[in-house]
Amino acid sequence: MHHRCTNYRPGHAVHWIQAGLSWKKPGEIKQITVLGQDGHWLIFEMDEQIHRVWNHDPEQLREFHDAAVKLQAIENTADVPALYTSVNLLRVPGPGDVQPIYPSWDGPSGCTIRGE
């Protein structure tokens, strides 16, 4: 079960408009190489630098990590995990139901749960 957070700030839920814009107006699409996941943290290489970003949902991060690593193991494919810069979303392309990640580059922040 994924997080019930209704916060749309970096590190939290992806808004449907943001997800749609990642396809319509992706901005620069930067290839990433996922290196690991540790709880709420995803570690990846981009532009020859190591990055560590936070997300509120470790289960969703694990799914993203596993799908990215699986895709990275396929030789001669044009599909790669990527950062869509216009909306700051990490995506794993291809079939399946891998949700995009809205990373926080600044670390943890609190979740908002509607009705609690």
PDB file of N, CA and C in Angstrom:
ATOM      1  N   MET A   1       0.850  -1.179   0.000  1.00  0.00           N
ATOM      2  CA  MET A   1       0.000   0.000   0.000  1.00  0.00           C
ATOM      3  C   MET A   1       0.896   1.244   0.000  1.00  0.00           C
ATOM      4  N   HIS A   2       0.596   2.137  -0.901  1.00  0.00           N
ATOM      5  CA  HIS A   2       1.377   3.362  -0.988  1.00  0.00           C
ATOM      6  C   HIS A   2       0.894   4.370   0.053  1.00  0.00           C
ATOM      7  N   HIS A   3       1.727   5.314   0.293  1.00  0.00           N
ATOM      8  CA  HIS A   3       1.471   6.397   1.224  1.00  0.00           C
ATOM      9  C   HIS A   3       0.146   7.080   0.923  1.00  0.00           C
ATOM     10  N   ARG A   4      -0.503   7.610   1.957  1.00  0.00           N
ATOM     11  CA  ARG A   4      -1.759   8.347   1.786  1.00  0.00           C
ATOM     12  C   ARG A   4      -1.538   9.847   1.805  1.00  0.00           C
ATOM     13  N   CYS A   5      -0.314  10.280   1.667  1.00  0.00           N
ATOM     14  CA  CYS A   5       0.032  11.691   1.733  1.00  0.00           C
ATOM     15  C   CYS A   5      -0.645  12.470   0.598  1.00  0.00           C
ATOM     16  N   THR A   6      -1.157  13.651   0.943  1.00  0.00           N
ATOM     17  CA  THR A   6      -1.778  14.516  -0.063  1.00  0.00           C
ATOM     18  C   THR A   6      -0.966  15.784  -0.297  1.00  0.00           C
ATOM     19  N   ASN A   7       0.271  15.769   0.135  1.00  0.00           N
ATOM     20  CA  ASN A   7       1.187  16.893  -0.043  1.00  0.00           C
ATOM     21  C   ASN A   7       1.800  16.791  -1.439  1.00  0.00           C
ATOM     22  N   TYR A   8       1.825  17.879  -2.190  1.00  0.00           N
ATOM     23  CA  TYR A   8       2.377  17.875  -3.549  1.00  0.00           C
ATOM     24  C   TYR A   8       3.698  18.628  -3.654  1.00  0.00           C
ATOM     25  N   ARG A   9       4.370  18.822  -2.538  1.00  0.00           N
ATOM     26  CA  ARG A   9       5.693  19.447  -2.561  1.00  0.00           C
ATOM     27  C   ARG A   9       6.742  18.410  -2.947  1.00  0.00           C
ATOM     28  N   PRO A  10       7.950  18.850  -3.319  1.00  0.00           N
ATOM     29  CA  PRO A  10       9.009  17.889  -3.649  1.00  0.00           C
ATOM     30  C   PRO A  10       9.199  16.863  -2.524  1.00  0.00           C
ATOM     31  N   GLY A  11       9.336  15.603  -2.930  1.00  0.00           N
ATOM     32  CA  GLY A  11       9.503  14.513  -1.984  1.00  0.00           C
ATOM     33  C   GLY A  11       8.198  13.840  -1.616  1.00  0.00           C
ATOM     34  N   HIS A  12       7.102  14.316  -2.199  1.00  0.00           N
ATOM     35  CA  HIS A  12       5.782  13.789  -1.840  1.00  0.00           C
ATOM     36  C   HIS A  12       5.036  13.332  -3.088  1.00  0.00           C
ATOM     37  N   ALA A  13       3.715  13.465  -3.078  1.00  0.00           N
ATOM     38  CA  ALA A  13       2.870  12.955  -4.157  1.00  0.00           C
ATOM     39  C   ALA A  13       3.086  13.719  -5.468  1.00  0.00           C
ATOM     40  N   VAL A  14       2.879  13.022  -6.570  1.00  0.00           N
ATOM     41  CA  VAL A  14       2.923  13.623  -7.906  1.00  0.00           C
ATOM     42  C   VAL A  14       1.503  14.029  -8.276  1.00  0.00           C
ATOM     43  N   HIS A  15       1.318  15.299  -8.596  1.00  0.00           N
ATOM     44  CA  HIS A  15       0.005  15.784  -9.021  1.00  0.00           C
ATOM     45  C   HIS A  15      -0.248  15.331 -10.461  1.00  0.00           C
ATOM     46  N   TRP A  16      -1.503  15.048 -10.807  1.00  0.00           N
ATOM     47  CA  TRP A  16      -1.815  14.544 -12.144  1.00  0.00           C
ATOM     48  C   TRP A  16      -1.447  15.548 -13.235  1.00  0.00           C
ATOM     49  N   ILE A  17      -1.542  16.833 -12.957  1.00  0.00           N
ATOM     50  CA  ILE A  17      -1.151  17.840 -13.956  1.00  0.00           C
ATOM     51  C   ILE A  17       0.361  17.775 -14.184  1.00  0.00           C
ATOM     52  N   GLN A  18       1.109  17.661 -13.110  1.00  0.00           N
ATOM     53  CA  GLN A  18       2.564  17.542 -13.197  1.00  0.00           C
ATOM     54  C   GLN A  18       2.959  16.296 -14.003  1.00  0.00           C
ATOM     55  N   ALA A  19       2.288  15.177 -13.745  1.00  0.00           N
ATOM     56  CA  ALA A  19       2.581  13.939 -14.471  1.00  0.00           C
ATOM     57  C   ALA A  19       2.289  14.107 -15.965  1.00  0.00           C
ATOM     58  N   GLY A  20       1.174  14.743 -16.294  1.00  0.00           N
ATOM     59  CA  GLY A  20       0.832  14.965 -17.697  1.00  0.00           C
ATOM     60  C   GLY A  20       1.816  15.881 -18.396  1.00  0.00           C
ATOM     61  N   LEU A  21       2.254  16.928 -17.707  1.00  0.00           N
ATOM     62  CA  LEU A  21       3.220  17.858 -18.303  1.00  0.00           C
ATOM     63  C   LEU A  21       4.567  17.197 -18.558  1.00  0.00           C
ATOM     64  N   SER A  22       4.884  16.153 -17.799  1.00  0.00           N
ATOM     65  CA  SER A  22       6.162  15.475 -18.033  1.00  0.00           C
ATOM     66  C   SER A  22       6.201  14.842 -19.421  1.00  0.00           C
ATOM     67  N   TRP A  23       5.035  14.524 -19.977  1.00  0.00           N
ATOM     68  CA  TRP A  23       4.990  13.983 -21.345  1.00  0.00           C
ATOM     69  C   TRP A  23       4.803  15.087 -22.376  1.00  0.00           C
ATOM     70  N   LYS A  24       3.996  16.107 -22.060  1.00  0.00           N
ATOM     71  CA  LYS A  24       3.699  17.164 -23.029  1.00  0.00           C
ATOM     72  C   LYS A  24       4.824  18.182 -23.156  1.00  0.00           C
ATOM     73  N   LYS A  25       5.422  18.565 -22.033  1.00  0.00           N
ATOM     74  CA  LYS A  25       6.496  19.563 -22.008  1.00  0.00           C
ATOM     75  C   LYS A  25       7.578  19.092 -21.042  1.00  0.00           C
ATOM     76  N   PRO A  26       8.353  18.073 -21.444  1.00  0.00           N
ATOM     77  CA  PRO A  26       9.298  17.477 -20.502  1.00  0.00           C
ATOM     78  C   PRO A  26      10.521  18.319 -20.180  1.00  0.00           C
ATOM     79  N   GLY A  27      10.785  19.349 -20.973  1.00  0.00           N
ATOM     80  CA  GLY A  27      12.027  20.091 -20.779  1.00  0.00           C
ATOM     81  C   GLY A  27      13.185  19.205 -21.194  1.00  0.00           C
ATOM     82  N   GLU A  28      14.329  19.447 -20.614  1.00  0.00           N
ATOM     83  CA  GLU A  28      15.476  18.584 -20.892  1.00  0.00           C
ATOM     84  C   GLU A  28      15.248  17.238 -20.197  1.00  0.00           C
ATOM     85  N   ILE A  29      15.504  16.162 -20.910  1.00  0.00           N
ATOM     86  CA  ILE A  29      15.375  14.826 -20.342  1.00  0.00           C
ATOM     87  C   ILE A  29      16.783  14.309 -20.109  1.00  0.00           C
ATOM     88  N   LYS A  30      17.134  14.113 -18.835  1.00  0.00           N
ATOM     89  CA  LYS A  30      18.491  13.705 -18.479  1.00  0.00           C
ATOM     90  C   LYS A  30      18.499  12.240 -18.061  1.00  0.00           C
ATOM     91  N   GLN A  31      19.360  11.470 -18.690  1.00  0.00           N
ATOM     92  CA  GLN A  31      19.503  10.065 -18.321  1.00  0.00           C
ATOM     93  C   GLN A  31      20.094   9.955 -16.926  1.00  0.00           C
ATOM     94  N   ILE A  32      19.560   9.017 -16.150  1.00  0.00           N
ATOM     95  CA  ILE A  32      20.111   8.723 -14.837  1.00  0.00           C
ATOM     96  C   ILE A  32      20.486   7.245 -14.785  1.00  0.00           C
ATOM     97  N   THR A  33      21.415   6.917 -13.907  1.00  0.00           N
ATOM     98  CA  THR A  33      21.743   5.524 -13.614  1.00  0.00           C
ATOM     99  C   THR A  33      21.480   5.320 -12.130  1.00  0.00           C
ATOM    100  N   VAL A  34      20.476   4.520 -11.827  1.00  0.00           N
ATOM    101  CA  VAL A  34      20.113   4.272 -10.439  1.00  0.00           C
ATOM    102  C   VAL A  34      21.150   3.345  -9.822  1.00  0.00           C
ATOM    103  N   LEU A  35      21.684   3.762  -8.685  1.00  0.00           N
ATOM    104  CA  LEU A  35      22.748   3.016  -8.009  1.00  0.00           C
ATOM    105  C   LEU A  35      22.264   2.293  -6.762  1.00  0.00           C
ATOM    106  N   GLY A  36      21.246   2.828  -6.096  1.00  0.00           N
ATOM    107  CA  GLY A  36      20.780   2.184  -4.877  1.00  0.00           C
ATOM    108  C   GLY A  36      19.610   2.903  -4.257  1.00  0.00           C
ATOM    109  N   GLN A  37      19.055   2.260  -3.245  1.00  0.00           N
ATOM    110  CA  GLN A  37      17.945   2.819  -2.486  1.00  0.00           C
ATOM    111  C   GLN A  37      18.141   2.417  -1.038  1.00  0.00           C
ATOM    112  N   ASP A  38      17.966   3.363  -0.142  1.00  0.00           N
ATOM    113  CA  ASP A  38      18.116   3.115   1.286  1.00  0.00           C
ATOM    114  C   ASP A  38      16.961   3.796   2.006  1.00  0.00           C
ATOM    115  N   GLY A  39      15.911   3.050   2.267  1.00  0.00           N
ATOM    116  CA  GLY A  39      14.735   3.618   2.934  1.00  0.00           C
ATOM    117  C   GLY A  39      14.086   4.684   2.083  1.00  0.00           C
ATOM    118  N   HIS A  40      14.107   5.916   2.588  1.00  0.00           N
ATOM    119  CA  HIS A  40      13.486   7.053   1.886  1.00  0.00           C
ATOM    120  C   HIS A  40      14.430   7.712   0.884  1.00  0.00           C
ATOM    121  N   TRP A  41      15.604   7.165   0.682  1.00  0.00           N
ATOM    122  CA  TRP A  41      16.627   7.796  -0.154  1.00  0.00           C
ATOM    123  C   TRP A  41      16.908   6.984  -1.406  1.00  0.00           C
ATOM    124  N   LEU A  42      16.996   7.678  -2.554  1.00  0.00           N
ATOM    125  CA  LEU A  42      17.376   7.075  -3.825  1.00  0.00           C
ATOM    126  C   LEU A  42      18.715   7.674  -4.231  1.00  0.00           C
ATOM    127  N   ILE A  43      19.627   6.816  -4.645  1.00  0.00           N
ATOM    128  CA  ILE A  43      20.953   7.266  -5.057  1.00  0.00           C
ATOM    129  C   ILE A  43      21.105   6.963  -6.544  1.00  0.00           C
ATOM    130  N   PHE A  44      21.525   7.987  -7.306  1.00  0.00           N
ATOM    131  CA  PHE A  44      21.709   7.787  -8.745  1.00  0.00           C
ATOM    132  C   PHE A  44      22.812   8.685  -9.263  1.00  0.00           C
ATOM    133  N   GLU A  45      23.289   8.324 -10.456  1.00  0.00           N
ATOM    134  CA  GLU A  45      24.310   9.121 -11.147  1.00  0.00           C
ATOM    135  C   GLU A  45      23.628   9.874 -12.279  1.00  0.00           C
ATOM    136  N   MET A  46      23.973  11.140 -12.411  1.00  0.00           N
ATOM    137  CA  MET A  46      23.474  11.968 -13.507  1.00  0.00           C
ATOM    138  C   MET A  46      24.529  13.027 -13.785  1.00  0.00           C
ATOM    139  N   ASP A  47      24.838  13.221 -15.036  1.00  0.00           N
ATOM    140  CA  ASP A  47      25.835  14.220 -15.427  1.00  0.00           C
ATOM    141  C   ASP A  47      27.171  14.007 -14.724  1.00  0.00           C
ATOM    142  N   GLU A  48      27.552  12.740 -14.579  1.00  0.00           N
ATOM    143  CA  GLU A  48      28.823  12.341 -13.981  1.00  0.00           C
ATOM    144  C   GLU A  48      28.944  12.758 -12.512  1.00  0.00           C
ATOM    145  N   GLN A  49      27.809  12.939 -11.836  1.00  0.00           N
ATOM    146  CA  GLN A  49      27.788  13.264 -10.408  1.00  0.00           C
ATOM    147  C   GLN A  49      26.820  12.321  -9.697  1.00  0.00           C
ATOM    148  N   ILE A  50      27.115  12.000  -8.451  1.00  0.00           N
ATOM    149  CA  ILE A  50      26.240  11.162  -7.637  1.00  0.00           C
ATOM    150  C   ILE A  50      25.240  12.072  -6.924  1.00  0.00           C
ATOM    151  N   HIS A  51      23.977  11.695  -6.974  1.00  0.00           N
ATOM    152  CA  HIS A  51      22.899  12.461  -6.334  1.00  0.00           C
ATOM    153  C   HIS A  51      22.168  11.566  -5.350  1.00  0.00           C
ATOM    154  N   ARG A  52      21.670  12.163  -4.289  1.00  0.00           N
ATOM    155  CA  ARG A  52      20.894  11.458  -3.271  1.00  0.00           C
ATOM    156  C   ARG A  52      19.651  12.298  -3.028  1.00  0.00           C
ATOM    157  N   VAL A  53      18.476  11.719  -3.316  1.00  0.00           N
ATOM    158  CA  VAL A  53      17.219  12.446  -3.161  1.00  0.00           C
ATOM    159  C   VAL A  53      16.289  11.678  -2.223  1.00  0.00           C
ATOM    160  N   TRP A  54      15.376  12.423  -1.600  1.00  0.00           N
ATOM    161  CA  TRP A  54      14.463  11.868  -0.604  1.00  0.00           C
ATOM    162  C   TRP A  54      13.046  11.805  -1.170  1.00  0.00           C
ATOM    163  N   ASN A  55      12.292  10.765  -0.749  1.00  0.00           N
ATOM    164  CA  ASN A  55      10.865  10.669  -1.045  1.00  0.00           C
ATOM    165  C   ASN A  55      10.169  10.054   0.161  1.00  0.00           C
ATOM    166  N   HIS A  56       8.960  10.493   0.421  1.00  0.00           N
ATOM    167  CA  HIS A  56       8.211  10.081   1.607  1.00  0.00           C
ATOM    168  C   HIS A  56       7.803   8.615   1.616  1.00  0.00           C
ATOM    169  N   ASP A  57       7.829   7.953   0.467  1.00  0.00           N
ATOM    170  CA  ASP A  57       7.283   6.597   0.353  1.00  0.00           C
ATOM    171  C   ASP A  57       8.375   5.589  -0.010  1.00  0.00           C
ATOM    172  N   PRO A  58       8.954   4.907   0.983  1.00  0.00           N
ATOM    173  CA  PRO A  58      10.033   3.967   0.684  1.00  0.00           C
ATOM    174  C   PRO A  58       9.587   2.788  -0.189  1.00  0.00           C
ATOM    175  N   GLU A  59       8.317   2.386  -0.093  1.00  0.00           N
ATOM    176  CA  GLU A  59       7.815   1.297  -0.937  1.00  0.00           C
ATOM    177  C   GLU A  59       7.815   1.719  -2.409  1.00  0.00           C
ATOM    178  N   GLN A  60       7.341   2.927  -2.676  1.00  0.00           N
ATOM    179  CA  GLN A  60       7.333   3.432  -4.042  1.00  0.00           C
ATOM    180  C   GLN A  60       8.767   3.600  -4.552  1.00  0.00           C
ATOM    181  N   LEU A  61       9.666   4.065  -3.689  1.00  0.00           N
ATOM    182  CA  LEU A  61      11.071   4.186  -4.092  1.00  0.00           C
ATOM    183  C   LEU A  61      11.662   2.825  -4.430  1.00  0.00           C
ATOM    184  N   ARG A  62      11.319   1.789  -3.656  1.00  0.00           N
ATOM    185  CA  ARG A  62      11.827   0.441  -3.934  1.00  0.00           C
ATOM    186  C   ARG A  62      11.322  -0.048  -5.288  1.00  0.00           C
ATOM    187  N   GLU A  63      10.040   0.171  -5.590  1.00  0.00           N
ATOM    188  CA  GLU A  63       9.488  -0.224  -6.888  1.00  0.00           C
ATOM    189  C   GLU A  63      10.209   0.512  -8.019  1.00  0.00           C
ATOM    190  N   PHE A  64      10.429   1.807  -7.831  1.00  0.00           N
ATOM    191  CA  PHE A  64      11.128   2.602  -8.833  1.00  0.00           C
ATOM    192  C   PHE A  64      12.548   2.077  -9.011  1.00  0.00           C
ATOM    193  N   HIS A  65      13.258   1.882  -7.910  1.00  0.00           N
ATOM    194  CA  HIS A  65      14.625   1.364  -7.939  1.00  0.00           C
ATOM    195  C   HIS A  65      14.686   0.039  -8.688  1.00  0.00           C
ATOM    196  N   ASP A  66      13.830  -0.906  -8.317  1.00  0.00           N
ATOM    197  CA  ASP A  66      13.865  -2.233  -8.927  1.00  0.00           C
ATOM    198  C   ASP A  66      13.577  -2.177 -10.425  1.00  0.00           C
ATOM    199  N   ALA A  67      12.586  -1.371 -10.830  1.00  0.00           N
ATOM    200  CA  ALA A  67      12.265  -1.244 -12.254  1.00  0.00           C
ATOM    201  C   ALA A  67      13.417  -0.593 -13.011  1.00  0.00           C
ATOM    202  N   ALA A  68      14.041   0.411 -12.419  1.00  0.00           N
ATOM    203  CA  ALA A  68      15.163   1.097 -13.070  1.00  0.00           C
ATOM    204  C   ALA A  68      16.356   0.166 -13.235  1.00  0.00           C
ATOM    205  N   VAL A  69      16.695  -0.569 -12.195  1.00  0.00           N
ATOM    206  CA  VAL A  69      17.828  -1.496 -12.256  1.00  0.00           C
ATOM    207  C   VAL A  69      17.561  -2.584 -13.298  1.00  0.00           C
ATOM    208  N   LYS A  70      16.338  -3.079 -13.341  1.00  0.00           N
ATOM    209  CA  LYS A  70      15.971  -4.096 -14.337  1.00  0.00           C
ATOM    210  C   LYS A  70      16.126  -3.537 -15.761  1.00  0.00           C
ATOM    211  N   LEU A  71      15.659  -2.314 -15.980  1.00  0.00           N
ATOM    212  CA  LEU A  71      15.770  -1.681 -17.291  1.00  0.00           C
ATOM    213  C   LEU A  71      17.224  -1.432 -17.656  1.00  0.00           C
ATOM    214  N   GLN A  72      18.011  -1.004 -16.697  1.00  0.00           N
ATOM    215  CA  GLN A  72      19.427  -0.718 -16.942  1.00  0.00           C
ATOM    216  C   GLN A  72      20.201  -1.971 -17.344  1.00  0.00           C
ATOM    217  N   ALA A  73      19.712  -3.152 -16.971  1.00  0.00           N
ATOM    218  CA  ALA A  73      20.395  -4.408 -17.283  1.00  0.00           C
ATOM    219  C   ALA A  73      20.128  -4.875 -18.714  1.00  0.00           C
ATOM    220  N   ILE A  74      19.166  -4.248 -19.387  1.00  0.00           N
ATOM    221  CA  ILE A  74      18.836  -4.624 -20.762  1.00  0.00           C
ATOM    222  C   ILE A  74      19.800  -3.933 -21.707  1.00  0.00           C
ATOM    223  N   GLU A  75      20.487  -4.723 -22.520  1.00  0.00           N
ATOM    224  CA  GLU A  75      21.430  -4.155 -23.481  1.00  0.00           C
ATOM    225  C   GLU A  75      20.692  -3.651 -24.715  1.00  0.00           C
ATOM    226  N   ASN A  76      21.250  -2.638 -25.336  1.00  0.00           N
ATOM    227  CA  ASN A  76      20.760  -2.102 -26.611  1.00  0.00           C
ATOM    228  C   ASN A  76      19.299  -1.662 -26.550  1.00  0.00           C
ATOM    229  N   THR A  77      18.953  -0.917 -25.518  1.00  0.00           N
ATOM    230  CA  THR A  77      17.611  -0.364 -25.429  1.00  0.00           C
ATOM    231  C   THR A  77      17.696   1.159 -25.398  1.00  0.00           C
ATOM    232  N   ALA A  78      16.714   1.789 -26.008  1.00  0.00           N
ATOM    233  CA  ALA A  78      16.670   3.254 -25.995  1.00  0.00           C
ATOM    234  C   ALA A  78      15.982   3.757 -24.726  1.00  0.00           C
ATOM    235  N   ASP A  79      15.275   2.867 -24.027  1.00  0.00           N
ATOM    236  CA  ASP A  79      14.576   3.264 -22.806  1.00  0.00           C
ATOM    237  C   ASP A  79      15.554   3.308 -21.638  1.00  0.00           C
ATOM    238  N   VAL A  80      15.575   4.427 -20.943  1.00  0.00           N
ATOM    239  CA  VAL A  80      16.462   4.589 -19.780  1.00  0.00           C
ATOM    240  C   VAL A  80      15.719   5.365 -18.696  1.00  0.00           C
ATOM    241  N   PRO A  81      16.032   5.104 -17.431  1.00  0.00           N
ATOM    242  CA  PRO A  81      15.489   5.962 -16.378  1.00  0.00           C
ATOM    243  C   PRO A  81      15.953   7.399 -16.617  1.00  0.00           C
ATOM    244  N   ALA A  82      15.075   8.362 -16.318  1.00  0.00           N
ATOM    245  CA  ALA A  82      15.414   9.745 -16.657  1.00  0.00           C
ATOM    246  C   ALA A  82      14.777  10.738 -15.700  1.00  0.00           C
ATOM    247  N   LEU A  83      15.382  11.932 -15.647  1.00  0.00           N
ATOM    248  CA  LEU A  83      14.821  13.089 -14.952  1.00  0.00           C
ATOM    249  C   LEU A  83      14.224  14.006 -16.001  1.00  0.00           C
ATOM    250  N   TYR A  84      12.944  14.342 -15.848  1.00  0.00           N
ATOM    251  CA  TYR A  84      12.262  15.290 -16.724  1.00  0.00           C
ATOM    252  C   TYR A  84      12.353  16.648 -16.037  1.00  0.00           C
ATOM    253  N   THR A  85      13.237  17.496 -16.540  1.00  0.00           N
ATOM    254  CA  THR A  85      13.624  18.703 -15.808  1.00  0.00           C
ATOM    255  C   THR A  85      12.515  19.735 -15.658  1.00  0.00           C
ATOM    256  N   SER A  86      11.580  19.824 -16.611  1.00  0.00           N
ATOM    257  CA  SER A  86      10.559  20.879 -16.516  1.00  0.00           C
ATOM    258  C   SER A  86       9.644  20.689 -15.319  1.00  0.00           C
ATOM    259  N   VAL A  87       9.452  19.452 -14.896  1.00  0.00           N
ATOM    260  CA  VAL A  87       8.547  19.172 -13.782  1.00  0.00           C
ATOM    261  C   VAL A  87       9.242  18.425 -12.640  1.00  0.00           C
ATOM    262  N   ASN A  88      10.558  18.255 -12.728  1.00  0.00           N
ATOM    263  CA  ASN A  88      11.359  17.610 -11.691  1.00  0.00           C
ATOM    264  C   ASN A  88      10.830  16.229 -11.318  1.00  0.00           C
ATOM    265  N   LEU A  89      10.557  15.398 -12.332  1.00  0.00           N
ATOM    266  CA  LEU A  89      10.082  14.039 -12.075  1.00  0.00           C
ATOM    267  C   LEU A  89      11.101  13.025 -12.563  1.00  0.00           C
ATOM    268  N   LEU A  90      11.288  11.972 -11.781  1.00  0.00           N
ATOM    269  CA  LEU A  90      12.082  10.827 -12.206  1.00  0.00           C
ATOM    270  C   LEU A  90      11.110   9.790 -12.762  1.00  0.00           C
ATOM    271  N   ARG A  91      11.430   9.261 -13.941  1.00  0.00           N
ATOM    272  CA  ARG A  91      10.559   8.283 -14.596  1.00  0.00           C
ATOM    273  C   ARG A  91      11.353   7.081 -15.069  1.00  0.00           C
ATOM    274  N   VAL A  92      10.686   5.918 -15.035  1.00  0.00           N
ATOM    275  CA  VAL A  92      11.199   4.703 -15.664  1.00  0.00           C
ATOM    276  C   VAL A  92      10.240   4.402 -16.811  1.00  0.00           C
ATOM    277  N   PRO A  93      10.684   4.536 -18.069  1.00  0.00           N
ATOM    278  CA  PRO A  93       9.787   4.299 -19.195  1.00  0.00           C
ATOM    279  C   PRO A  93       9.518   2.812 -19.412  1.00  0.00           C
ATOM    280  N   GLY A  94       8.522   2.534 -20.235  1.00  0.00           N
ATOM    281  CA  GLY A  94       8.239   1.157 -20.602  1.00  0.00           C
ATOM    282  C   GLY A  94       6.954   0.651 -19.978  1.00  0.00           C
ATOM    283  N   PRO A  95       6.659  -0.627 -20.222  1.00  0.00           N
ATOM    284  CA  PRO A  95       5.419  -1.213 -19.708  1.00  0.00           C
ATOM    285  C   PRO A  95       5.471  -1.355 -18.189  1.00  0.00           C
ATOM    286  N   GLY A  96       4.314  -1.501 -17.617  1.00  0.00           N
ATOM    287  CA  GLY A  96       4.244  -1.654 -16.168  1.00  0.00           C
ATOM    288  C   GLY A  96       3.648  -0.422 -15.535  1.00  0.00           C
ATOM    289  N   ASP A  97       3.479  -0.496 -14.253  1.00  0.00           N
ATOM    290  CA  ASP A  97       2.820   0.579 -13.523  1.00  0.00           C
ATOM    291  C   ASP A  97       3.791   1.206 -12.529  1.00  0.00           C
ATOM    292  N   VAL A  98       4.950   1.643 -13.019  1.00  0.00           N
ATOM    293  CA  VAL A  98       5.928   2.279 -12.151  1.00  0.00           C
ATOM    294  C   VAL A  98       5.597   3.763 -12.076  1.00  0.00           C
ATOM    295  N   GLN A  99       5.227   4.201 -10.887  1.00  0.00           N
ATOM    296  CA  GLN A  99       4.860   5.592 -10.691  1.00  0.00           C
ATOM    297  C   GLN A  99       6.102   6.478 -10.763  1.00  0.00           C
ATOM    298  N   PRO A 100       5.961   7.671 -11.343  1.00  0.00           N
ATOM    299  CA  PRO A 100       7.092   8.607 -11.312  1.00  0.00           C
ATOM    300  C   PRO A 100       7.362   9.052  -9.879  1.00  0.00           C
ATOM    301  N   ILE A 101       8.572   9.489  -9.650  1.00  0.00           N
ATOM    302  CA  ILE A 101       9.003   9.960  -8.332  1.00  0.00           C
ATOM    303  C   ILE A 101       9.221  11.468  -8.403  1.00  0.00           C
ATOM    304  N   TYR A 102       8.679  12.171  -7.422  1.00  0.00           N
ATOM    305  CA  TYR A 102       8.900  13.613  -7.286  1.00  0.00           C
ATOM    306  C   TYR A 102       9.926  13.784  -6.168  1.00  0.00           C
ATOM    307  N   PRO A 103      11.207  13.862  -6.513  1.00  0.00           N
ATOM    308  CA  PRO A 103      12.239  13.840  -5.484  1.00  0.00           C
ATOM    309  C   PRO A 103      12.408  15.179  -4.776  1.00  0.00           C
ATOM    310  N   SER A 104      12.831  15.078  -3.535  1.00  0.00           N
ATOM    311  CA  SER A 104      13.265  16.262  -2.800  1.00  0.00           C
ATOM    312  C   SER A 104      14.784  16.247  -2.771  1.00  0.00           C
ATOM    313  N   TRP A 105      15.372  17.272  -3.330  1.00  0.00           N
ATOM    314  CA  TRP A 105      16.822  17.414  -3.343  1.00  0.00           C
ATOM    315  C   TRP A 105      17.310  17.986  -2.013  1.00  0.00           C
ATOM    316  N   ASP A 106      16.373  18.472  -1.186  1.00  0.00           N
ATOM    317  CA  ASP A 106      16.711  19.133   0.076  1.00  0.00           C
ATOM    318  C   ASP A 106      16.440  18.280   1.306  1.00  0.00           C
ATOM    319  N   GLY A 107      16.055  17.024   1.121  1.00  0.00           N
ATOM    320  CA  GLY A 107      15.830  16.152   2.267  1.00  0.00           C
ATOM    321  C   GLY A 107      14.387  16.103   2.722  1.00  0.00           C
ATOM    322  N   PRO A 108      14.153  15.487   3.885  1.00  0.00           N
ATOM    323  CA  PRO A 108      12.796  15.216   4.365  1.00  0.00           C
ATOM    324  C   PRO A 108      11.967  16.443   4.679  1.00  0.00           C
ATOM    325  N   SER A 109      10.660  16.255   4.503  1.00  0.00           N
ATOM    326  CA  SER A 109       9.657  17.230   4.964  1.00  0.00           C
ATOM    327  C   SER A 109       8.409  16.434   5.320  1.00  0.00           C
ATOM    328  N   GLY A 110       7.554  17.040   6.127  1.00  0.00           N
ATOM    329  CA  GLY A 110       6.389  16.336   6.661  1.00  0.00           C
ATOM    330  C   GLY A 110       5.290  16.065   5.650  1.00  0.00           C
ATOM    331  N   CYS A 111       4.605  14.936   5.864  1.00  0.00           N
ATOM    332  CA  CYS A 111       3.470  14.569   5.026  1.00  0.00           C
ATOM    333  C   CYS A 111       2.208  15.273   5.514  1.00  0.00           C
ATOM    334  N   THR A 112       1.243  15.414   4.601  1.00  0.00           N
ATOM    335  CA  THR A 112      -0.066  15.935   4.925  1.00  0.00           C
ATOM    336  C   THR A 112      -1.066  14.825   4.630  1.00  0.00           C
ATOM    337  N   ILE A 113      -1.868  14.441   5.620  1.00  0.00           N
ATOM    338  CA  ILE A 113      -2.875  13.406   5.434  1.00  0.00           C
ATOM    339  C   ILE A 113      -4.248  14.068   5.600  1.00  0.00           C
ATOM    340  N   ARG A 114      -5.021  14.082   4.520  1.00  0.00           N
ATOM    341  CA  ARG A 114      -6.332  14.714   4.548  1.00  0.00           C
ATOM    342  C   ARG A 114      -7.242  13.950   5.504  1.00  0.00           C
ATOM    343  N   GLY A 115      -7.958  14.676   6.336  1.00  0.00           N
ATOM    344  CA  GLY A 115      -8.922  14.064   7.244  1.00  0.00           C
ATOM    345  C   GLY A 115      -8.321  13.590   8.564  1.00  0.00           C
ATOM    346  N   GLU A 116      -7.043  13.814   8.771  1.00  0.00           N
ATOM    347  CA  GLU A 116      -6.443  13.420  10.050  1.00  0.00           C
ATOM    348  C   GLU A 116      -5.911  14.626  10.788  1.00  0.00           C
TER     349      GLU A 116
END
